[in-house]
């Protein structure tokens, strides 16, 4: 005989779980004890939302399903934002949540299923007739197969009760972790995609995270070479085609200046493994004349565009069929002007926009460009949301696939630090670098303590303009307007030191190299870069920057003509 807690522990260790991110409460404390006895490292966080964010980041870097655990009631309700972020990111993770004891009528009782489903995650409740370990093993498969968080609710009065010891309840024995497609779906998707590419005159192939996860970037590059299509990525897939002559970089609000004319002139955009939502298409304004076609193994998700058809297919299999069909004909010349590599394509933008800096502050653009030269070649970069993202996401280079992560799936600030801790613990041999804003950092500063206790190899660079930067710029500076978004911060470097991390403050660009190198040599460190509020990121200014039609084309294309394939 074994307890439900021991059965869960066995299922998780059979799955290969090494870490569980948790904040212990009376609804999950016996489970955490059983996991620790089984050799799983319990990473105690300072807020339940951090447990989910760390599990998500851990899953990104380790390639495994992240595991986290919280108590019932407020323990679960505190996870809501991070749970919704993971759902929007389509991140597979399993959250083991306590449920109030059977018959309990106290203050912590509420409908946990309704909360979880409102956060677009799945809820699986363990009953007295279940083996909790088998339910958890099935949840791991479900999360992996459907790329969705799954919450398992376990009543507090059940967790210590006995259950018959069964055979090994590994995730592999439950069901296939591959999403199922209707018969003939991939062949139909390949045929339709081929037709779309043959009809188009100015195609773009847009890769999302699904292309990266499926390992089909090389096939996508080949299809682009055969059709003359441009290559681009969503922000989460940044760096996937770096160095390829057809690469335009990021599509969306953070596109670089060389790419925007090409995007404007496209007549077909094929989004593979991406929802191609409003951030990627700029609500349709980035590709004003293009037909948008999506290829995805999943039937649809929140945040995806409603424009154009959705083709159901796995990226690798579909692209393989398309490439095989195209190889029989000659390749087509690219239709567009190639983009210059980073940071050359930003030279004019940097030269033409030079606002006066406040004393004792740094231009965040030049700070990020300096960091790009200082970071280790194998650095894993995590970028938070907010005004800081407009600089870091655009100007930092991604060293390799799975080396660039965004902590902003629901548009929330404050997810960067906690997600980065999970990324660091999931990739202990890599150096993780976080770029965060001051407001976002202060939302979860307490979990820097978690990073230190867990030994996370993490360096955080905080762009501190002492404001809610996006709101400050959108309102415009001045009394009663943007000045209301100015929020003075404590010395973040000193906060970091109080948490046991190395802390540096930079107020001049010349100070940054020494501070950064010292921080990168430490285990856990924070570099506070005091940045000027006078500098507005390009993604907030792009509506005022004209992009004339036709400037992205290599040569005129005859109206109504079709390029041979």
Protein backbone atom coordinates (compact mmCIF):
# COMPACT_ATOMS: atom_id res chain seq x y z
CA UNK A 1 0.00 0.00 0.00
CA UNK A 2 1.05 3.58 -0.57
CA UNK A 3 -0.52 6.98 -0.06
CA UNK A 4 -1.84 9.15 -2.85
CA UNK A 5 1.07 11.53 -2.16
CA UNK A 6 3.54 8.68 -2.69
CA UNK A 7 1.74 7.57 -5.84
CA UNK A 8 2.01 11.11 -7.23
CA UNK A 9 5.70 11.23 -6.31
CA UNK A 10 6.29 7.98 -8.15
CA UNK A 11 4.48 9.22 -11.26
CA UNK A 12 6.54 12.41 -11.28
CA UNK A 13 9.91 10.74 -10.75
CA UNK A 14 9.08 8.16 -13.44
CA UNK A 15 8.39 11.15 -15.70
CA UNK A 16 11.86 12.51 -14.90
CA UNK A 17 10.76 15.34 -12.63
CA UNK A 18 13.68 16.84 -10.73
CA UNK A 19 12.13 20.10 -9.48
CA UNK A 20 8.76 21.15 -8.14
CA UNK A 21 8.09 24.86 -7.67
CA UNK A 22 5.89 25.37 -4.66
CA UNK A 23 4.63 27.49 -1.82
CA UNK A 24 3.67 25.07 0.91
CA UNK A 25 0.26 25.26 2.60
CA UNK A 26 -1.89 22.83 4.53
CA UNK A 27 -3.49 21.61 1.30
CA UNK A 28 -0.22 20.47 -0.31
CA UNK A 29 2.33 20.11 2.50
CA UNK A 30 2.14 16.31 2.66
CA UNK A 31 2.59 16.10 -1.11
CA UNK A 32 5.68 18.33 -0.94
CA UNK A 33 7.10 16.09 1.83
CA UNK A 34 6.52 12.98 -0.28
CA UNK A 35 8.19 14.60 -3.28
CA UNK A 36 11.21 15.61 -1.20
CA UNK A 37 11.48 12.06 0.17
CA UNK A 38 11.47 10.81 -3.44
CA UNK A 39 14.45 13.04 -4.27
CA UNK A 40 12.60 15.85 -6.04
CA UNK A 41 13.98 19.30 -5.23
CA UNK A 42 11.25 21.48 -3.75
CA UNK A 43 11.92 25.09 -4.76
CA UNK A 44 9.99 27.19 -2.23
CA UNK A 45 8.85 30.48 -3.78
CA UNK A 46 7.61 33.69 -2.15
CA UNK A 47 4.30 33.93 -4.06
CA UNK A 48 2.18 31.24 -5.69
CA UNK A 49 2.15 33.09 -9.01
CA UNK A 50 5.92 32.64 -9.07
CA UNK A 51 5.57 28.86 -8.75
CA UNK A 52 3.63 28.67 -12.02
CA UNK A 53 5.91 31.14 -13.82
CA UNK A 54 9.01 29.22 -12.74
CA UNK A 55 7.49 25.91 -13.83
CA UNK A 56 6.75 27.45 -17.23
CA UNK A 57 10.30 28.76 -17.62
CA UNK A 58 11.72 25.45 -16.44
CA UNK A 59 9.72 23.65 -19.11
CA UNK A 60 10.94 26.01 -21.83
CA UNK A 61 14.62 25.38 -21.14
CA UNK A 62 14.53 21.74 -20.02
CA UNK A 63 12.13 20.45 -22.65
CA UNK A 64 10.11 18.67 -19.94
CA UNK A 65 6.68 19.44 -18.54
CA UNK A 66 7.13 21.87 -15.66
CA UNK A 67 5.62 20.86 -12.32
CA UNK A 68 4.38 23.19 -9.58
CA UNK A 69 2.22 22.87 -6.49
CA UNK A 70 0.11 25.20 -4.34
CA UNK A 71 -2.43 24.87 -1.59
CA UNK A 72 -6.18 25.28 -1.97
CA UNK A 73 -8.25 28.47 -1.98
CA UNK A 74 -6.07 31.60 -2.05
CA UNK A 75 -3.07 29.46 -2.89
CA UNK A 76 -4.67 28.64 -6.23
CA UNK A 77 -6.29 32.04 -6.82
CA UNK A 78 -2.88 33.71 -6.49
CA UNK A 79 -1.69 31.76 -9.56
CA UNK A 80 -4.30 33.20 -11.93
CA UNK A 81 -2.16 35.61 -13.96
CA UNK A 82 0.74 33.18 -14.42
CA UNK A 83 -1.68 30.39 -15.28
CA UNK A 84 -3.30 32.52 -17.97
CA UNK A 85 0.13 33.55 -19.27
CA UNK A 86 1.09 29.87 -19.63
CA UNK A 87 -2.20 29.12 -21.37
CA UNK A 88 -1.69 31.94 -23.88
CA UNK A 89 1.90 30.75 -24.45
CA UNK A 90 0.64 27.20 -24.99
CA UNK A 91 3.14 26.01 -22.41
CA UNK A 92 2.72 22.46 -21.12
CA UNK A 93 2.84 22.38 -17.33
CA UNK A 94 1.04 20.61 -14.49
CA UNK A 95 -0.10 22.44 -11.38
CA UNK A 96 -0.86 20.20 -8.39
CA UNK A 97 -3.35 22.13 -6.30
CA UNK A 98 -4.87 21.21 -3.00
CA UNK A 99 -8.63 21.15 -2.71
CA UNK A 100 -10.36 21.94 0.56
CA UNK A 101 -11.25 18.80 2.57
CA UNK A 102 -14.49 17.05 1.78
CA UNK A 103 -17.39 18.79 3.52
CA UNK A 104 -15.31 21.88 4.39
CA UNK A 105 -17.41 25.09 4.60
CA UNK A 106 -14.74 27.60 5.68
CA UNK A 107 -13.32 30.78 4.17
CA UNK A 108 -10.94 29.13 1.68
CA UNK A 109 -13.61 27.18 -0.18
CA UNK A 110 -14.49 28.28 -3.73
CA UNK A 111 -15.09 26.77 -7.16
CA UNK A 112 -11.53 26.06 -8.25
CA UNK A 113 -12.56 24.51 -11.56
CA UNK A 114 -14.29 27.71 -12.70
CA UNK A 115 -11.20 29.79 -11.94
CA UNK A 116 -8.89 27.41 -13.79
CA UNK A 117 -11.15 27.20 -16.83
CA UNK A 118 -11.46 31.00 -16.88
CA UNK A 119 -7.66 30.98 -17.12
CA UNK A 120 -8.01 28.77 -20.24
CA UNK A 121 -6.37 25.79 -18.53
CA UNK A 122 -7.74 22.29 -17.89
CA UNK A 123 -8.92 21.05 -14.48
CA UNK A 124 -8.76 17.40 -13.41
CA UNK A 125 -10.14 16.58 -9.95
CA UNK A 126 -8.98 13.51 -8.02
CA UNK A 127 -11.79 11.55 -6.36
CA UNK A 128 -11.70 8.88 -3.66
CA UNK A 129 -12.03 6.21 -6.37
CA UNK A 130 -8.94 7.40 -8.28
CA UNK A 131 -5.25 6.66 -7.99
CA UNK A 132 -3.92 10.22 -7.81
CA UNK A 133 -0.64 9.13 -9.39
CA UNK A 134 -2.44 7.82 -12.47
CA UNK A 135 -4.42 11.07 -12.73
CA UNK A 136 -1.20 13.09 -12.56
CA UNK A 137 0.52 10.87 -15.15
CA UNK A 138 -2.43 11.38 -17.48
CA UNK A 139 -2.28 15.13 -16.84
CA UNK A 140 1.37 15.20 -17.89
CA UNK A 141 0.47 13.53 -21.18
CA UNK A 142 -2.48 15.86 -21.69
CA UNK A 143 -0.36 18.94 -21.03
CA UNK A 144 2.35 17.75 -23.44
CA UNK A 145 -0.06 16.63 -26.15
CA UNK A 146 -2.32 19.68 -26.10
CA UNK A 147 0.36 22.22 -25.12
CA UNK A 148 -1.78 23.53 -22.30
CA UNK A 149 -1.49 23.86 -18.51
CA UNK A 150 -3.39 21.20 -16.61
CA UNK A 151 -4.38 21.69 -12.96
CA UNK A 152 -4.92 18.59 -10.83
CA UNK A 153 -7.10 19.23 -7.77
CA UNK A 154 -6.39 16.89 -4.84
CA UNK A 155 -8.58 17.08 -1.72
CA UNK A 156 -6.52 17.68 1.40
CA UNK A 157 -8.22 14.82 3.25
CA UNK A 158 -7.36 12.40 0.43
CA UNK A 159 -3.65 13.06 -0.06
CA UNK A 160 -2.54 10.95 2.94
CA UNK A 161 -5.03 8.15 2.46
CA UNK A 162 -3.93 4.81 1.09
CA UNK A 163 -4.26 3.60 -2.48
CA UNK A 164 -3.49 0.20 -3.96
CA UNK A 165 0.03 0.10 -5.38
CA UNK A 166 -0.30 -0.47 -9.10
CA UNK A 167 2.24 -0.83 -11.84
CA UNK A 168 4.43 2.04 -12.92
CA UNK A 169 2.20 4.98 -13.82
CA UNK A 170 4.58 6.70 -16.19
CA UNK A 171 3.44 9.35 -18.60
CA UNK A 172 4.54 7.16 -21.50
CA UNK A 173 2.08 4.38 -20.57
CA UNK A 174 -1.04 6.55 -20.57
CA UNK A 175 -1.50 7.63 -24.20
CA UNK A 176 0.33 9.15 -27.12
CA UNK A 177 1.65 12.68 -26.41
CA UNK A 178 1.13 13.67 -30.06
CA UNK A 179 -2.00 15.64 -31.03
CA UNK A 180 -4.25 13.70 -33.36
CA UNK A 181 -5.29 15.08 -36.74
CA UNK A 182 -8.20 14.07 -38.96
CA UNK A 183 -7.31 11.51 -41.63
CA UNK A 184 -5.76 13.19 -44.65
CA UNK A 185 -5.44 16.55 -42.92
CA UNK A 186 -1.70 16.95 -43.49
CA UNK A 187 -1.88 15.95 -47.16
CA UNK A 188 -4.68 18.45 -47.67
CA UNK A 189 -2.73 21.13 -45.81
CA UNK A 190 0.37 20.52 -47.92
CA UNK A 191 -1.64 20.66 -51.15
CA UNK A 192 -3.39 23.90 -50.21
CA UNK A 193 -0.17 25.49 -48.97
CA UNK A 194 1.54 24.59 -52.23
CA UNK A 195 -1.30 26.18 -54.20
CA UNK A 196 -1.11 29.35 -52.10
CA UNK A 197 2.64 29.68 -52.67
CA UNK A 198 2.33 29.10 -56.42
CA UNK A 199 -0.32 31.79 -56.78
CA UNK A 200 1.50 34.38 -54.70
CA UNK A 201 3.88 36.95 -56.15
CA UNK A 202 5.29 38.31 -52.91
CA UNK A 203 5.14 35.58 -50.24
CA UNK A 204 6.47 35.62 -46.68
CA UNK A 205 6.90 32.53 -44.49
CA UNK A 206 6.39 33.45 -40.85
CA UNK A 207 7.66 31.03 -38.19
CA UNK A 208 6.23 30.83 -34.70
CA UNK A 209 7.25 28.85 -31.66
CA UNK A 210 5.72 25.71 -33.21
CA UNK A 211 8.38 25.66 -35.93
CA UNK A 212 11.10 25.90 -33.31
CA UNK A 213 9.58 23.17 -31.14
CA UNK A 214 9.11 20.81 -34.10
CA UNK A 215 12.66 21.33 -35.36
CA UNK A 216 11.46 22.25 -38.84
CA UNK A 217 13.36 25.52 -39.37
CA UNK A 218 15.68 23.96 -41.97
CA UNK A 219 12.73 22.70 -44.01
CA UNK A 220 11.09 26.10 -43.83
CA UNK A 221 14.30 27.71 -45.07
CA UNK A 222 14.41 25.29 -48.01
CA UNK A 223 10.83 26.12 -48.99
CA UNK A 224 11.71 29.82 -48.88
CA UNK A 225 14.77 29.24 -51.08
CA UNK A 226 12.69 27.32 -53.62
CA UNK A 227 9.86 29.88 -53.76
CA UNK A 228 11.78 33.13 -53.30
CA UNK A 229 9.75 33.83 -50.16
CA UNK A 230 11.01 35.98 -47.34
CA UNK A 231 11.57 34.42 -43.92
CA UNK A 232 10.40 36.06 -40.71
CA UNK A 233 9.62 35.01 -37.16
CA UNK A 234 7.26 35.93 -34.40
CA UNK A 235 8.93 37.38 -31.34
CA UNK A 236 9.01 34.06 -29.40
CA UNK A 237 10.92 32.45 -32.31
CA UNK A 238 13.42 35.31 -32.60
CA UNK A 239 16.78 34.30 -34.03
CA UNK A 240 15.54 31.15 -35.75
CA UNK A 241 16.86 32.22 -39.18
CA UNK A 242 19.66 34.57 -38.13
CA UNK A 243 22.32 34.73 -40.84
CA UNK A 244 20.07 33.40 -43.61
CA UNK A 245 20.02 35.77 -46.63
CA UNK A 246 16.21 35.61 -46.83
CA UNK A 247 15.67 36.45 -43.15
CA UNK A 248 13.79 39.63 -42.24
CA UNK A 249 13.88 39.07 -38.49
CA UNK A 250 10.90 39.75 -36.26
CA UNK A 251 7.46 40.50 -37.68
CA UNK A 252 5.30 42.71 -35.49
CA UNK A 253 5.58 45.79 -33.37
CA UNK A 254 9.32 45.22 -32.94
CA UNK A 255 10.20 44.72 -36.62
CA UNK A 256 13.39 46.47 -37.65
CA UNK A 257 13.39 49.30 -40.20
CA UNK A 258 14.71 47.22 -43.13
CA UNK A 259 11.92 44.68 -42.82
CA UNK A 260 8.89 46.94 -42.60
CA UNK A 261 8.72 47.91 -46.32
CA UNK A 262 8.88 44.22 -47.27
CA UNK A 263 6.08 43.32 -44.89
CA UNK A 264 3.97 46.13 -46.30
CA UNK A 265 4.39 44.88 -49.87
CA UNK A 266 3.66 41.17 -49.25
CA UNK A 267 0.63 39.59 -50.91
CA UNK A 268 0.77 36.31 -48.93
CA UNK A 269 1.84 35.57 -45.36
CA UNK A 270 1.98 31.93 -44.30
CA UNK A 271 2.15 31.68 -40.50
CA UNK A 272 3.47 28.31 -39.37
CA UNK A 273 3.16 27.25 -35.74
CA UNK A 274 1.90 30.69 -34.77
CA UNK A 275 -1.40 32.29 -33.87
CA UNK A 276 -0.35 35.37 -35.90
CA UNK A 277 -2.25 37.55 -33.46
CA UNK A 278 -2.55 41.30 -33.18
CA UNK A 279 0.99 41.80 -31.85
CA UNK A 280 2.49 40.00 -34.85
CA UNK A 281 0.32 41.62 -37.52
CA UNK A 282 -0.03 45.01 -35.80
CA UNK A 283 -3.76 44.35 -35.94
CA UNK A 284 -3.49 43.82 -39.70
CA UNK A 285 -1.56 47.01 -40.43
CA UNK A 286 1.83 45.33 -40.91
CA UNK A 287 0.63 43.28 -43.92
CA UNK A 288 -2.12 45.51 -45.34
CA UNK A 289 -2.38 43.80 -48.75
CA UNK A 290 -1.53 40.21 -47.80
CA UNK A 291 -3.69 37.12 -47.59
CA UNK A 292 -2.94 35.43 -44.26
CA UNK A 293 -2.86 31.62 -44.08
CA UNK A 294 -2.09 29.72 -40.87
CA UNK A 295 -0.68 26.20 -40.49
CA UNK A 296 -0.94 24.73 -37.01
CA UNK A 297 -1.31 21.31 -35.45
CA UNK A 298 -3.76 22.73 -32.91
CA UNK A 299 -7.34 23.61 -33.92
CA UNK A 300 -7.10 27.21 -32.75
CA UNK A 301 -6.28 29.24 -29.66
CA UNK A 302 -6.95 32.48 -27.85
CA UNK A 303 -5.10 35.42 -29.32
CA UNK A 304 -4.89 33.95 -32.83
CA UNK A 305 -6.05 35.97 -35.78
CA UNK A 306 -9.47 35.28 -37.24
CA UNK A 307 -8.33 36.35 -40.73
CA UNK A 308 -7.64 33.78 -43.43
CA UNK A 309 -7.85 29.99 -43.41
CA UNK A 310 -6.38 27.67 -40.78
CA UNK A 311 -4.69 24.57 -42.21
CA UNK A 312 -4.40 21.70 -39.73
CA UNK A 313 -1.02 20.03 -39.97
CA UNK A 314 2.21 19.31 -38.15
CA UNK A 315 4.87 21.73 -39.38
CA UNK A 316 7.62 19.21 -40.14
CA UNK A 317 5.41 16.74 -42.00
CA UNK A 318 3.62 19.43 -43.99
CA UNK A 319 6.80 21.28 -44.94
CA UNK A 320 8.44 18.00 -45.97
CA UNK A 321 5.63 17.35 -48.44
CA UNK A 322 5.74 20.91 -49.78
CA UNK A 323 9.53 20.84 -50.21
CA UNK A 324 9.39 17.51 -52.05
CA UNK A 325 6.86 18.92 -54.51
CA UNK A 326 8.90 22.08 -55.11
CA UNK A 327 12.25 20.33 -55.68
CA UNK A 328 11.15 19.18 -59.13
CA UNK A 329 11.22 22.76 -60.44
CA UNK A 330 13.83 25.53 -60.54
CA UNK A 331 14.12 27.87 -57.54
CA UNK A 332 12.59 31.33 -57.80
CA UNK A 333 14.53 34.52 -57.23
CA UNK A 334 13.59 36.48 -54.09
CA UNK A 335 11.15 39.30 -54.77
CA UNK A 336 12.32 41.64 -52.01
CA UNK A 337 15.28 43.73 -50.95
CA UNK A 338 17.37 41.81 -48.39
CA UNK A 339 17.64 43.15 -44.87
CA UNK A 340 20.92 44.15 -43.33
CA UNK A 341 22.09 42.24 -40.25
CA UNK A 342 21.65 43.58 -36.75
CA UNK A 343 22.62 46.18 -35.70
CA UNK A 344 23.35 47.75 -39.13
CA UNK A 345 19.66 48.10 -39.98
CA UNK A 346 19.21 50.30 -36.90
CA UNK A 347 21.94 52.81 -37.77
CA UNK A 348 19.62 55.40 -39.34
CA UNK A 349 17.09 55.03 -36.53
CA UNK A 350 19.80 55.62 -33.93
CA UNK A 351 21.24 58.60 -35.80
CA UNK A 352 17.91 60.27 -36.58
CA UNK A 353 16.42 60.01 -33.09
CA UNK A 354 18.66 61.50 -30.40
CA UNK A 355 16.60 62.91 -27.51
CA UNK A 356 18.40 64.81 -24.77
CA UNK A 357 19.13 62.59 -21.79
CA UNK A 358 18.36 63.46 -18.19
CA UNK A 359 21.50 63.83 -16.04
CA UNK A 360 22.72 60.60 -14.48
CA UNK A 361 20.87 58.39 -16.96
CA UNK A 362 21.69 56.27 -20.01
CA UNK A 363 20.00 55.96 -23.41
CA UNK A 364 18.42 52.47 -23.14
CA UNK A 365 19.08 51.73 -26.82
CA UNK A 366 22.83 52.13 -26.44
CA UNK A 367 22.76 50.24 -23.15
CA UNK A 368 21.12 47.25 -24.82
CA UNK A 369 23.48 47.39 -27.81
CA UNK A 370 26.42 47.42 -25.39
CA UNK A 371 24.98 44.40 -23.58
CA UNK A 372 24.63 42.56 -26.88
CA UNK A 373 28.40 42.74 -27.29
CA UNK A 374 29.10 41.71 -23.69
CA UNK A 375 26.82 38.71 -23.22
CA UNK A 376 28.23 35.17 -23.48
CA UNK A 377 27.73 33.50 -26.84
CA UNK A 378 25.60 30.77 -25.25
CA UNK A 379 23.49 33.10 -23.11
CA UNK A 380 19.81 32.31 -22.76
CA UNK A 381 17.92 35.60 -22.88
CA UNK A 382 14.60 36.25 -21.13
CA UNK A 383 12.80 39.51 -21.86
CA UNK A 384 9.92 40.80 -19.77
CA UNK A 385 7.01 42.95 -20.91
CA UNK A 386 6.71 46.72 -20.79
CA UNK A 387 8.66 49.57 -22.34
CA UNK A 388 11.94 47.71 -21.69
CA UNK A 389 10.86 45.04 -24.17
CA UNK A 390 10.83 47.56 -27.00
CA UNK A 391 14.58 47.94 -26.62
CA UNK A 392 15.68 44.46 -25.56
CA UNK A 393 13.57 42.37 -27.93
CA UNK A 394 14.52 44.47 -30.94
CA UNK A 395 18.22 45.04 -30.31
CA UNK A 396 19.50 41.91 -28.57
CA UNK A 397 20.66 39.00 -30.70
CA UNK A 398 19.44 35.47 -29.99
CA UNK A 399 22.41 33.11 -29.97
CA UNK A 400 20.46 30.03 -31.09
CA UNK A 401 16.99 28.49 -31.08
CA UNK A 402 15.60 28.08 -27.54
CA UNK A 403 17.97 30.85 -26.44
CA UNK A 404 15.37 33.64 -26.43
CA UNK A 405 12.26 33.61 -24.26
CA UNK A 406 9.48 36.11 -23.67
CA UNK A 407 7.75 36.45 -20.32
CA UNK A 408 4.74 38.35 -21.65
CA UNK A 409 2.12 35.92 -22.97
CA UNK A 410 -0.87 37.73 -21.45
CA UNK A 411 0.52 41.23 -21.88
CA UNK A 412 1.37 41.38 -18.18
CA UNK A 413 4.42 43.00 -16.65
CA UNK A 414 6.08 41.38 -13.67
CA UNK A 415 6.59 37.90 -15.15
CA UNK A 416 10.24 38.31 -16.11
CA UNK A 417 12.16 37.53 -12.93
CA UNK A 418 10.12 34.52 -11.87
CA UNK A 419 10.09 33.00 -15.36
CA UNK A 420 13.84 33.53 -15.70
CA UNK A 421 14.51 31.68 -12.44
CA UNK A 422 12.72 28.65 -13.88
CA UNK A 423 14.63 28.95 -17.16
CA UNK A 424 17.91 29.04 -15.23
CA UNK A 425 17.10 25.96 -13.15
CA UNK A 426 15.98 24.08 -16.26
CA UNK A 427 19.28 24.83 -18.04
CA UNK A 428 21.90 24.74 -15.25
CA UNK A 429 24.81 24.63 -17.71
CA UNK A 430 23.73 27.84 -19.48
CA UNK A 431 23.95 31.45 -18.30
CA UNK A 432 20.51 33.03 -18.20
CA UNK A 433 20.20 36.78 -18.75
CA UNK A 434 17.03 38.68 -17.91
CA UNK A 435 16.15 42.15 -19.21
CA UNK A 436 13.43 43.65 -17.06
CA UNK A 437 11.92 47.05 -16.29
CA UNK A 438 11.86 48.61 -12.85
CA UNK A 439 8.08 48.32 -12.41
CA UNK A 440 8.08 44.67 -13.44
CA UNK A 441 11.05 43.87 -11.23
CA UNK A 442 9.43 45.43 -8.17
CA UNK A 443 6.28 43.30 -8.66
CA UNK A 444 8.22 40.12 -7.84
CA UNK A 445 11.46 41.39 -6.31
CA UNK A 446 10.93 39.06 -3.35
CA UNK A 447 11.56 36.05 -5.56
CA UNK A 448 15.11 37.18 -6.21
CA UNK A 449 15.57 35.53 -2.82
CA UNK A 450 14.26 32.30 -4.38
CA UNK A 451 16.81 32.62 -7.18
CA UNK A 452 19.64 32.99 -4.66
CA UNK A 453 18.48 30.09 -2.46
CA UNK A 454 18.03 27.81 -5.47
CA UNK A 455 21.44 28.75 -6.90
CA UNK A 456 20.05 30.04 -10.20
CA UNK A 457 22.79 31.14 -12.62
CA UNK A 458 21.01 34.36 -13.49
CA UNK A 459 22.00 37.92 -14.29
CA UNK A 460 19.20 40.49 -14.38
CA UNK A 461 19.64 43.82 -16.15
CA UNK A 462 16.94 46.22 -14.97
CA UNK A 463 16.26 49.22 -17.22
CA UNK A 464 15.13 51.65 -14.53
CA UNK A 465 13.43 54.82 -15.77
CA UNK A 466 11.52 55.13 -12.48
CA UNK A 467 8.21 55.06 -14.29
CA UNK A 468 5.53 52.96 -15.86
CA UNK A 469 7.29 53.66 -19.14
CA UNK A 470 4.66 52.74 -21.71
CA UNK A 471 1.96 54.72 -19.93
CA UNK A 472 4.32 57.65 -19.42
CA UNK A 473 4.98 57.93 -23.15
CA UNK A 474 1.40 57.30 -24.24
CA UNK A 475 0.07 60.00 -21.94
CA UNK A 476 2.89 62.40 -22.75
CA UNK A 477 5.08 64.08 -20.14
CA UNK A 478 3.65 66.85 -18.03
CA UNK A 479 1.77 67.53 -14.81
CA UNK A 480 -1.51 65.66 -14.59
CA UNK A 481 -0.54 63.43 -17.52
CA UNK A 482 2.54 61.23 -17.93
CA UNK A 483 4.03 62.53 -14.71
CA UNK A 484 1.39 60.52 -12.87
CA UNK A 485 3.13 57.40 -14.25
CA UNK A 486 6.44 58.39 -12.63
CA UNK A 487 7.01 56.02 -9.70
CA UNK A 488 10.32 56.48 -7.86
CA UNK A 489 12.01 53.21 -6.97
CA UNK A 490 14.37 52.25 -4.18
CA UNK A 491 17.96 51.56 -5.19
CA UNK A 492 17.39 48.26 -6.92
CA UNK A 493 21.05 47.30 -6.65
CA UNK A 494 20.76 47.58 -2.87
CA UNK A 495 17.55 45.55 -2.87
CA UNK A 496 19.44 42.84 -4.76
CA UNK A 497 22.27 42.89 -2.24
CA UNK A 498 19.79 42.57 0.62
CA UNK A 499 18.45 39.42 -1.07
CA UNK A 500 21.93 37.89 -1.26
CA UNK A 501 22.65 38.68 -4.91
CA UNK A 502 25.40 40.86 -6.31
CA UNK A 503 24.08 44.34 -7.11
CA UNK A 504 25.47 47.14 -9.30
CA UNK A 505 24.02 50.48 -10.35
CA UNK A 506 24.97 52.11 -13.67
CA UNK A 507 24.34 55.82 -14.31
CA UNK A 508 26.75 56.32 -17.26
CA UNK A 509 27.22 54.15 -20.33
CA UNK A 510 30.97 53.92 -19.65
CA UNK A 511 30.23 52.15 -16.36
CA UNK A 512 28.25 49.36 -17.98
CA UNK A 513 31.01 47.05 -19.29
CA UNK A 514 32.73 46.60 -15.92
CA UNK A 515 29.44 46.24 -14.05
CA UNK A 516 28.08 43.75 -16.57
CA UNK A 517 31.20 41.59 -16.66
CA UNK A 518 31.39 41.53 -12.87
CA UNK A 519 27.73 40.53 -12.67
CA UNK A 520 28.08 37.87 -15.35
CA UNK A 521 30.93 36.31 -13.37
CA UNK A 522 28.71 35.99 -10.28
CA UNK A 523 26.13 33.28 -9.64
CA UNK A 524 23.10 35.53 -9.18
CA UNK A 525 23.34 39.26 -9.86
CA UNK A 526 21.35 42.37 -10.71
CA UNK A 527 22.62 45.36 -12.70
CA UNK A 528 20.38 48.40 -12.33
CA UNK A 529 20.78 50.67 -15.36
CA UNK A 530 19.30 54.10 -14.77
CA UNK A 531 17.74 54.98 -18.13
CA UNK A 532 16.31 58.26 -19.38
CA UNK A 533 12.55 58.70 -19.69
CA UNK A 534 13.16 61.02 -22.65
CA UNK A 535 13.90 58.04 -24.94
CA UNK A 536 10.84 56.43 -26.48
CA UNK A 537 11.16 52.98 -28.04
CA UNK A 538 10.54 52.69 -31.76
CA UNK A 539 7.60 50.33 -31.31
CA UNK A 540 5.74 53.17 -29.56
CA UNK A 541 6.68 55.61 -32.34
CA UNK A 542 6.12 53.43 -35.42
CA UNK A 543 2.65 54.83 -36.23
CA UNK A 544 4.35 58.16 -36.91
CA UNK A 545 7.05 56.67 -39.17
CA UNK A 546 5.97 56.53 -42.85
CA UNK A 547 6.62 53.34 -44.86
CA UNK A 548 6.02 54.06 -48.57
CA UNK A 549 4.48 51.24 -50.59
CA UNK A 550 6.76 49.41 -53.02
CA UNK A 551 10.03 50.25 -51.27
CA UNK A 552 10.57 46.67 -50.10
CA UNK A 553 10.55 45.11 -53.58
CA UNK A 554 13.68 44.06 -55.42
CA UNK A 555 12.18 44.96 -58.80
CA UNK A 556 8.74 45.86 -60.22
CA UNK A 557 6.28 42.98 -60.50
CA UNK A 558 3.78 42.99 -63.35
CA UNK A 559 0.28 43.51 -61.99
CA UNK A 560 -1.82 40.36 -62.24
CA UNK A 561 1.13 38.19 -63.22
CA UNK A 562 2.06 34.93 -61.54
CA UNK A 563 5.62 33.96 -60.85
CA UNK A 564 6.62 30.56 -62.21
CA UNK A 565 7.46 27.79 -59.75
